């Protein structure tokens, strides 16, 4: 791919909280990319820290958080090509005192596989989503994305932008 690195590695931090418990919320994070110079953001890693779901006896609760390159109308899975990272915490509870907690975090494989990057953002923004299920109050989360700015060749830039715009 014809990309020329134009910055050192930068970290972009973000946080999000549901407005109302158990409802989907999305925040937009601006990267201030320069489209006239065909600037893109090459994502190297994403770290997500979502709040632990409520422990409610006899109820399965969960906290889900994700980062995507395009705007979403609901929670995403890894099957969505715009998904850069996601985390899900779940508590499966039977009778009082009888609970099992699960954690599902992605991406953990790409960094272990030694890939050069996990995604490229060609438009100005990325998006952070959060949603709880059966929690007693709103959940929140925070995260950090590491990457660098790069300049793309005209044909590569056009293809990346078109791909993002058409997947919205």
Protein backbone atom coordinates (compact mmCIF):
# COMPACT_ATOMS: atom_id res chain seq x y z
CA UNK A 1 0.00 0.00 0.00
CA UNK A 2 1.32 3.41 -0.92
CA UNK A 3 1.33 5.24 2.41
CA UNK A 4 4.01 7.65 3.61
CA UNK A 5 4.25 8.09 7.38
CA UNK A 6 4.02 11.80 8.30
CA UNK A 7 4.00 11.68 12.13
CA UNK A 8 5.31 9.75 15.05
CA UNK A 9 2.94 7.47 16.96
CA UNK A 10 0.20 9.45 18.70
CA UNK A 11 -2.36 8.37 21.29
CA UNK A 12 -5.97 9.55 21.11
CA UNK A 13 -7.96 9.13 24.34
CA UNK A 14 -11.75 9.06 24.65
CA UNK A 15 -14.57 8.24 27.05
CA UNK A 16 -18.28 7.58 26.83
CA UNK A 17 -21.23 6.93 29.15
CA UNK A 18 -24.81 5.87 28.50
CA UNK A 19 -27.35 8.67 28.96
CA UNK A 20 -29.90 6.15 30.26
CA UNK A 21 -29.14 2.65 31.55
CA UNK A 22 -29.14 -0.11 28.94
CA UNK A 23 -29.43 2.18 25.90
CA UNK A 24 -27.09 2.46 22.93
CA UNK A 25 -24.92 5.56 22.80
CA UNK A 26 -22.32 6.66 20.28
CA UNK A 27 -19.72 9.45 20.41
CA UNK A 28 -17.81 10.87 17.48
CA UNK A 29 -14.07 11.55 17.94
CA UNK A 30 -12.44 13.98 15.52
CA UNK A 31 -8.95 13.22 14.21
CA UNK A 32 -8.57 16.54 12.30
CA UNK A 33 -7.20 14.84 9.20
CA UNK A 34 -6.20 16.94 6.18
CA UNK A 35 -8.18 15.71 3.15
CA UNK A 36 -6.40 18.13 0.76
CA UNK A 37 -3.16 16.29 1.50
CA UNK A 38 -4.86 12.86 1.45
CA UNK A 39 -4.07 12.31 5.12
CA UNK A 40 -5.16 9.06 6.80
CA UNK A 41 -4.77 7.66 10.31
CA UNK A 42 -3.14 4.24 10.53
CA UNK A 43 -4.46 2.46 13.64
CA UNK A 44 -1.86 0.35 15.44
CA UNK A 45 -3.73 -0.61 18.61
CA UNK A 46 -6.85 0.13 20.65
CA UNK A 47 -7.28 -0.32 24.40
CA UNK A 48 -10.83 -0.32 25.81
CA UNK A 49 -11.85 -0.21 29.47
CA UNK A 50 -15.60 -0.69 29.94
CA UNK A 51 -17.37 -0.63 33.32
CA UNK A 52 -18.23 -3.91 34.99
CA UNK A 53 -21.91 -4.82 34.55
CA UNK A 54 -24.23 -4.87 37.56
CA UNK A 55 -24.49 -8.07 39.57
CA UNK A 56 -28.22 -8.84 39.61
CA UNK A 57 -29.20 -12.27 41.01
CA UNK A 58 -31.03 -14.41 38.47
CA UNK A 59 -30.20 -12.04 35.59
CA UNK A 60 -27.58 -11.93 32.85
CA UNK A 61 -26.05 -8.45 32.64
CA UNK A 62 -23.51 -7.09 30.21
CA UNK A 63 -21.42 -4.10 29.20
CA UNK A 64 -20.39 -3.70 25.54
CA UNK A 65 -18.04 -1.12 24.06
CA UNK A 66 -16.63 -0.81 20.55
CA UNK A 67 -14.64 1.48 18.25
CA UNK A 68 -15.47 1.77 14.56
CA UNK A 69 -14.30 3.77 11.59
CA UNK A 70 -17.89 4.64 10.59
CA UNK A 71 -21.06 5.68 12.43
CA UNK A 72 -23.26 2.85 13.71
CA UNK A 73 -26.91 2.62 14.74
CA UNK A 74 -26.39 -0.24 17.21
CA UNK A 75 -23.79 -2.50 18.78
CA UNK A 76 -21.32 -4.09 16.37
CA UNK A 77 -19.55 -7.41 16.15
CA UNK A 78 -16.25 -8.39 14.57
CA UNK A 79 -18.23 -9.34 11.46
CA UNK A 80 -18.60 -5.60 10.77
CA UNK A 81 -15.61 -4.49 8.67
CA UNK A 82 -15.70 -1.05 10.31
CA UNK A 83 -15.07 -2.54 13.77
CA UNK A 84 -11.53 -1.80 14.96
CA UNK A 85 -11.96 -3.15 18.51
CA UNK A 86 -14.63 -4.33 20.91
CA UNK A 87 -14.94 -5.52 24.47
CA UNK A 88 -17.83 -7.24 26.22
CA UNK A 89 -18.15 -8.04 29.92
CA UNK A 90 -20.96 -10.37 30.96
CA UNK A 91 -22.20 -11.70 34.29
CA UNK A 92 -24.43 -14.78 34.08
CA UNK A 93 -26.21 -15.12 37.40
CA UNK A 94 -28.40 -17.87 38.77
CA UNK A 95 -29.43 -17.86 42.40
CA UNK A 96 -27.87 -15.28 44.75
CA UNK A 97 -24.16 -16.04 45.12
CA UNK A 98 -24.13 -18.25 42.00
CA UNK A 99 -22.60 -16.10 39.22
CA UNK A 100 -20.06 -16.53 36.45
CA UNK A 101 -18.29 -13.58 34.78
CA UNK A 102 -17.09 -13.58 31.16
CA UNK A 103 -14.81 -11.21 29.27
CA UNK A 104 -14.65 -11.00 25.48
CA UNK A 105 -12.03 -8.59 24.09
CA UNK A 106 -10.90 -7.96 20.52
CA UNK A 107 -8.44 -7.38 18.94
CA UNK A 108 -6.02 -9.52 20.82
CA UNK A 109 -5.01 -11.72 17.89
CA UNK A 110 -3.82 -9.04 15.42
CA UNK A 111 -1.08 -7.73 17.70
CA UNK A 112 0.02 -11.27 18.49
CA UNK A 113 0.16 -12.06 14.78
CA UNK A 114 2.59 -9.19 14.19
CA UNK A 115 0.44 -7.22 11.74
CA UNK A 116 1.69 -3.77 10.76
CA UNK A 117 -1.67 -2.15 11.59
CA UNK A 118 -5.26 -3.07 12.49
CA UNK A 119 -7.08 -0.46 10.42
CA UNK A 120 -6.89 2.74 8.40
CA UNK A 121 -9.25 5.69 8.97
CA UNK A 122 -9.53 7.88 5.88
CA UNK A 123 -12.32 10.24 6.92
CA UNK A 124 -12.05 12.79 9.71
CA UNK A 125 -13.69 10.85 12.54
CA UNK A 126 -13.92 7.54 14.33
CA UNK A 127 -16.78 6.42 16.56
CA UNK A 128 -17.08 4.92 20.03
CA UNK A 129 -20.18 2.95 21.05
CA UNK A 130 -21.42 1.64 24.40
CA UNK A 131 -24.46 -0.35 25.49
CA UNK A 132 -25.39 -2.20 28.64
CA UNK A 133 -27.97 -4.89 29.17
CA UNK A 134 -30.01 -5.38 32.37
CA UNK A 135 -27.78 -3.08 34.44
CA UNK A 136 -29.12 -1.11 37.40
CA UNK A 137 -27.60 2.16 36.16
CA UNK A 138 -25.79 3.71 33.20
CA UNK A 139 -22.38 2.24 32.33
CA UNK A 140 -19.37 4.07 30.98
CA UNK A 141 -16.02 3.35 29.50
CA UNK A 142 -12.83 4.89 28.26
CA UNK A 143 -10.16 4.02 25.80
CA UNK A 144 -7.08 4.96 23.88
CA UNK A 145 -6.17 4.48 20.24
CA UNK A 146 -2.56 4.50 19.02
CA UNK A 147 -1.59 5.23 15.47
CA UNK A 148 0.17 7.59 13.14
CA UNK A 149 -0.74 10.01 10.39
CA UNK A 150 0.20 9.12 6.84
CA UNK A 151 -0.25 10.47 3.33
CA UNK A 152 -1.87 8.13 0.80
CA UNK A 153 -1.42 8.06 -2.96
CA UNK A 154 -4.45 9.57 -4.75
CA UNK A 155 -5.92 6.26 -5.93
CA UNK A 156 -5.46 4.57 -2.53
CA UNK A 157 -6.95 7.58 -0.73
CA UNK A 158 -9.99 7.64 -3.05
CA UNK A 159 -10.58 3.91 -2.51
CA UNK A 160 -10.29 4.22 1.29
CA UNK A 161 -12.66 7.20 1.49
CA UNK A 162 -15.18 5.58 -0.84
CA UNK A 163 -15.09 2.37 1.18
CA UNK A 164 -15.78 4.25 4.43
CA UNK A 165 -18.52 6.45 2.95
CA UNK A 166 -20.32 3.54 1.29
CA UNK A 167 -20.25 1.44 4.47
CA UNK A 168 -22.14 4.07 6.51
